[in-house]
Amino acid sequence: MSGRYTPGMQLGVGAVLLMQSLAGPNDMLSSGDRAPSSFREAPAQLVPVSEQASTNLPVPERIASRLTLTPAFNFHRFEGYFFAHGILQVYPSANISWLSDSYYFLGQLGSTLSGDGNGGSAPRFIAYHSVFSGIARHWQFAMHDLFVAFQPGLSLVQMRTGNQWGVNPSVAFTIGYHLYFYQWFHLFVHLKGIVGEHLFDAYWRFVEVRFSAGLGIHLEIRRRDKPLQSQVE
């Protein structure tokens, strides 16, 4: 037949070429070389919408709470006070937290009393409650956590001399240390300096140091060694 193609052979070759052009690249492989069916049926796995929404939420790493009794010393009149002290601290990351403190006045310490107008003596304050809230910068290593914080706040004061309530702005600077020795518990030591003024019925200057220590509880929301999964593996 020498090297010439008959019309029938040419028609057959054309049909084979047409079938190959219409077939996918996977169908041109032999049965042993074919790609797994999972690649053909599911080329990509998508994260559900509900899971995408949950991973985009700002989940904190840790939430800590503390309750203790706090002594304070005022350098303006060299007086001491005593407070019930509650603390809430939320960690959006390992190095930053939002620190909030609330103080409920329990009384003065020692014999630092003022006259009650009847020849006797009485505490200078009827009420002296305060709240502070601000940002803290942390340095954490192993179980140890050091931080400094800046916290604006308000003090609700009622002095015995005028018996008038006053809301006074104030500022606090805090340094602290935490020891996370157990899964849910930690030891804490906080030292807070406070500056403010009472300008209502009588003038009073707040230049104080407050010391807090005790046992706190915390909840690990997101572990740094196991970050939230952002996609399906």
Protein backbone atom coordinates (compact mmCIF):
# COMPACT_ATOMS: atom_id res chain seq x y z
CA MET A 1 0.00 0.00 0.00
CA SER A 2 3.20 2.12 -0.07
CA GLY A 3 2.90 5.41 1.99
CA ARG A 4 -0.43 6.57 0.60
CA TYR A 5 -3.59 6.92 2.74
CA THR A 6 -6.85 5.84 1.29
CA PRO A 7 -9.92 8.04 1.83
CA GLY A 8 -11.20 5.55 4.42
CA MET A 9 -7.99 5.73 6.43
CA GLN A 10 -8.01 9.51 6.32
CA LEU A 11 -11.60 9.56 7.61
CA GLY A 12 -10.65 7.24 10.49
CA VAL A 13 -7.66 9.36 11.54
CA GLY A 14 -9.81 12.48 11.44
CA ALA A 15 -12.41 10.85 13.68
CA VAL A 16 -9.73 9.87 16.26
CA LEU A 17 -8.31 13.40 16.33
CA LEU A 18 -11.80 14.86 16.79
CA MET A 19 -12.51 12.54 19.74
CA GLN A 20 -9.22 13.47 21.41
CA SER A 21 -9.92 17.19 21.06
CA LEU A 22 -13.37 16.78 22.63
CA ALA A 23 -12.15 14.56 25.48
CA GLY A 24 -10.66 16.09 28.66
CA PRO A 25 -6.97 15.66 29.52
CA ASN A 26 -7.89 13.16 32.22
CA ASP A 27 -9.74 10.93 29.71
CA MET A 28 -6.64 10.73 27.51
CA LEU A 29 -4.78 8.92 30.31
CA SER A 30 -4.84 5.22 30.63
CA SER A 31 -6.94 3.65 33.35
CA GLY A 32 -3.87 3.17 35.54
CA ASP A 33 -2.80 6.80 35.18
CA ARG A 34 -6.19 8.42 35.74
CA ALA A 35 -6.44 11.00 38.55
CA PRO A 36 -8.51 10.01 41.58
CA SER A 37 -12.21 10.60 41.27
CA SER A 38 -12.15 13.01 44.24
CA PHE A 39 -10.18 15.53 42.17
CA ARG A 40 -12.69 15.37 39.36
CA GLU A 41 -15.77 15.51 41.55
CA ALA A 42 -14.61 18.05 44.18
CA PRO A 43 -11.82 20.27 42.84
CA ALA A 44 -11.86 22.45 46.02
CA GLN A 45 -13.30 22.30 49.49
CA LEU A 46 -15.02 25.48 50.62
CA VAL A 47 -15.36 26.65 54.21
CA PRO A 48 -19.04 26.92 55.26
CA VAL A 49 -20.36 30.45 55.62
CA SER A 50 -21.15 29.92 59.30
CA GLU A 51 -17.56 28.81 59.97
CA GLN A 52 -16.14 31.74 58.03
CA ALA A 53 -18.21 34.13 60.13
CA SER A 54 -17.08 32.54 63.39
CA THR A 55 -13.37 32.71 62.51
CA ASN A 56 -13.67 36.40 61.63
CA LEU A 57 -14.98 37.35 65.07
CA PRO A 58 -12.51 39.06 67.48
CA VAL A 59 -12.04 36.21 69.95
CA PRO A 60 -9.93 37.15 73.02
CA GLU A 61 -7.12 34.92 74.15
CA ARG A 62 -7.87 35.13 77.87
CA ILE A 63 -10.37 36.62 80.33
CA ALA A 64 -9.32 37.08 83.95
CA SER A 65 -11.25 38.23 87.04
CA ARG A 66 -10.08 39.03 90.56
CA LEU A 67 -11.64 40.11 93.85
CA THR A 68 -9.66 41.30 96.84
CA LEU A 69 -9.37 43.83 99.67
CA THR A 70 -7.14 46.79 98.83
CA PRO A 71 -5.45 49.25 101.20
CA ALA A 72 -4.61 52.76 99.95
CA PHE A 73 -2.49 55.64 101.17
CA ASN A 74 -3.11 59.31 100.37
CA PHE A 75 0.07 61.42 100.27
CA HIS A 76 -1.88 64.70 100.29
CA ARG A 77 -3.05 64.31 103.91
CA PHE A 78 -1.17 61.15 104.88
CA GLU A 79 -4.33 59.12 105.34
CA GLY A 80 -5.12 55.49 104.71
CA TYR A 81 -8.26 53.94 103.20
CA PHE A 82 -9.65 50.47 102.63
CA PHE A 83 -11.56 49.21 99.56
CA ALA A 84 -13.28 46.13 98.20
CA HIS A 85 -11.63 45.77 94.82
CA GLY A 86 -12.90 43.98 91.71
CA ILE A 87 -10.82 43.51 88.53
CA LEU A 88 -11.76 42.39 85.04
CA GLN A 89 -9.05 41.95 82.40
CA VAL A 90 -9.58 40.91 78.77
CA TYR A 91 -6.64 39.92 76.54
CA PRO A 92 -7.29 40.43 72.81
CA SER A 93 -3.68 39.35 72.23
CA ALA A 94 -0.67 38.13 74.19
CA ASN A 95 0.82 41.63 74.55
CA ILE A 96 -2.27 43.82 74.99
CA SER A 97 -5.16 43.73 77.44
CA TRP A 98 -8.04 45.94 78.57
CA LEU A 99 -7.91 46.39 82.35
CA SER A 100 -10.91 47.56 84.39
CA ASP A 101 -10.95 48.18 88.17
CA SER A 102 -13.81 49.03 90.52
CA TYR A 103 -13.35 50.11 94.15
CA TYR A 104 -15.99 50.22 96.87
CA PHE A 105 -15.06 52.34 99.88
CA LEU A 106 -15.07 50.45 103.20
CA GLY A 107 -13.58 53.08 105.49
CA GLN A 108 -10.43 54.77 106.65
CA LEU A 109 -7.46 53.07 108.23
CA GLY A 110 -6.04 53.83 111.65
CA SER A 111 -6.93 57.04 113.48
CA THR A 112 -6.87 59.39 110.50
CA LEU A 113 -10.20 61.00 111.32
CA SER A 114 -11.66 64.49 111.03
CA GLY A 115 -14.01 66.34 113.35
CA ASP A 116 -17.71 65.57 113.11
CA GLY A 117 -18.81 69.03 114.26
CA ASN A 118 -19.97 67.78 117.66
CA GLY A 119 -16.64 67.62 119.41
CA GLY A 120 -16.09 64.04 118.28
CA SER A 121 -14.34 62.48 115.34
CA ALA A 122 -15.58 60.72 112.24
CA PRO A 123 -14.18 59.48 108.94
CA ARG A 124 -13.47 62.21 106.43
CA PHE A 125 -15.44 60.44 103.68
CA ILE A 126 -18.97 59.10 103.80
CA ALA A 127 -18.41 57.51 100.40
CA TYR A 128 -15.43 57.27 98.10
CA HIS A 129 -16.02 54.82 95.24
CA SER A 130 -14.11 54.76 91.96
CA VAL A 131 -13.77 52.98 88.62
CA PHE A 132 -10.86 52.89 86.18
CA SER A 133 -10.54 51.36 82.74
CA GLY A 134 -7.73 51.46 80.19
CA ILE A 135 -5.18 49.65 78.08
CA ALA A 136 -2.25 47.58 79.36
CA ARG A 137 0.99 46.47 77.71
CA HIS A 138 2.29 43.00 78.65
CA TRP A 139 5.57 41.12 78.58
CA GLN A 140 4.88 37.40 78.98
CA PHE A 141 7.33 34.53 79.27
CA ALA A 142 6.57 31.00 80.46
CA MET A 143 4.17 31.35 83.43
CA HIS A 144 5.09 34.99 84.14
CA ASP A 145 3.25 38.12 83.02
CA LEU A 146 4.50 41.68 83.63
CA PHE A 147 2.48 44.71 82.56
CA VAL A 148 2.01 48.46 82.78
CA ALA A 149 -1.34 50.20 82.25
CA PHE A 150 -2.83 53.65 81.79
CA GLN A 151 -6.41 54.00 83.07
CA PRO A 152 -8.65 57.08 83.08
CA GLY A 153 -11.39 56.89 85.68
CA LEU A 154 -14.10 58.49 87.77
CA SER A 155 -14.46 58.82 91.54
CA LEU A 156 -17.81 59.18 93.28
CA VAL A 157 -17.14 61.11 96.49
CA GLN A 158 -19.27 62.32 99.39
CA MET A 159 -17.32 64.19 102.06
CA ARG A 160 -18.63 64.60 105.58
CA THR A 161 -17.88 68.33 105.66
CA GLY A 162 -20.38 69.25 102.96
CA ASN A 163 -22.43 66.07 102.55
CA GLN A 164 -22.61 66.68 98.80
CA TRP A 165 -21.98 64.03 96.14
CA GLY A 166 -19.38 64.76 93.50
CA VAL A 167 -18.17 62.89 90.41
CA ASN A 168 -14.48 63.58 89.87
CA PRO A 169 -12.27 62.62 86.91
CA SER A 170 -9.00 60.96 87.81
CA VAL A 171 -6.10 59.10 86.20
CA ALA A 172 -4.38 55.88 87.28
CA PHE A 173 -1.07 54.29 86.35
CA THR A 174 -0.74 50.60 87.16
CA ILE A 175 2.12 48.14 87.21
CA GLY A 176 1.49 44.46 87.89
CA TYR A 177 2.70 40.90 87.86
CA HIS A 178 0.77 37.64 87.29
CA LEU A 179 1.94 34.09 87.87
CA TYR A 180 -0.15 31.56 85.92
CA PHE A 181 0.64 28.44 87.93
CA TYR A 182 -2.52 26.44 87.16
CA GLN A 183 -5.02 25.99 84.35
CA TRP A 184 -7.68 28.29 85.86
CA PHE A 185 -5.89 30.10 88.70
CA HIS A 186 -3.11 32.67 89.01
CA LEU A 187 -1.48 34.88 91.60
CA PHE A 188 -1.48 38.64 91.06
CA VAL A 189 0.20 41.73 92.51
CA HIS A 190 -0.90 45.22 91.37
CA LEU A 191 0.40 48.64 92.41
CA LYS A 192 -1.69 51.61 91.26
CA GLY A 193 -0.92 55.32 91.48
CA ILE A 194 -3.90 57.71 91.31
CA VAL A 195 -4.10 61.45 90.70
CA GLY A 196 -7.32 63.50 90.88
CA GLU A 197 -9.22 66.28 92.62
CA HIS A 198 -12.56 66.79 94.36
CA LEU A 199 -13.90 70.29 93.53
CA PHE A 200 -17.42 70.33 94.88
CA ASP A 201 -18.37 71.29 98.45
CA ALA A 202 -14.77 71.08 99.65
CA TYR A 203 -11.44 70.80 97.91
CA TRP A 204 -9.64 67.49 98.19
CA ARG A 205 -6.66 66.22 96.24
CA PHE A 206 -6.20 62.53 95.45
CA VAL A 207 -2.55 61.53 95.30
CA GLU A 208 -2.75 57.88 96.23
CA VAL A 209 -1.08 54.52 95.97
CA ARG A 210 -3.24 51.39 96.14
CA PHE A 211 -1.86 47.90 96.60
CA SER A 212 -3.73 44.74 95.57
CA ALA A 213 -2.70 41.09 95.72
CA GLY A 214 -4.36 37.70 95.85
CA LEU A 215 -5.63 34.75 93.87
CA GLY A 216 -7.38 35.29 90.54
CA ILE A 217 -9.24 33.06 88.13
CA HIS A 218 -8.95 33.07 84.35
CA LEU A 219 -10.36 31.33 81.30
CA GLU A 220 -8.27 30.53 78.24
CA ILE A 221 -10.47 31.28 75.23
CA ARG A 222 -7.85 30.76 72.52
CA ARG A 223 -4.51 29.05 73.08
CA ARG A 224 -1.53 30.58 71.28
CA ASP A 225 -0.11 27.13 70.50
CA LYS A 226 -3.45 26.15 68.92
CA PRO A 227 -4.75 29.13 66.90
CA LEU A 228 -8.24 29.19 65.48
CA GLN A 229 -8.56 27.19 62.24
CA SER A 230 -9.18 29.55 59.36
CA GLN A 231 -9.69 26.94 56.68
CA VAL A 232 -10.62 23.29 56.30
CA GLU A 233 -7.57 21.09 55.96
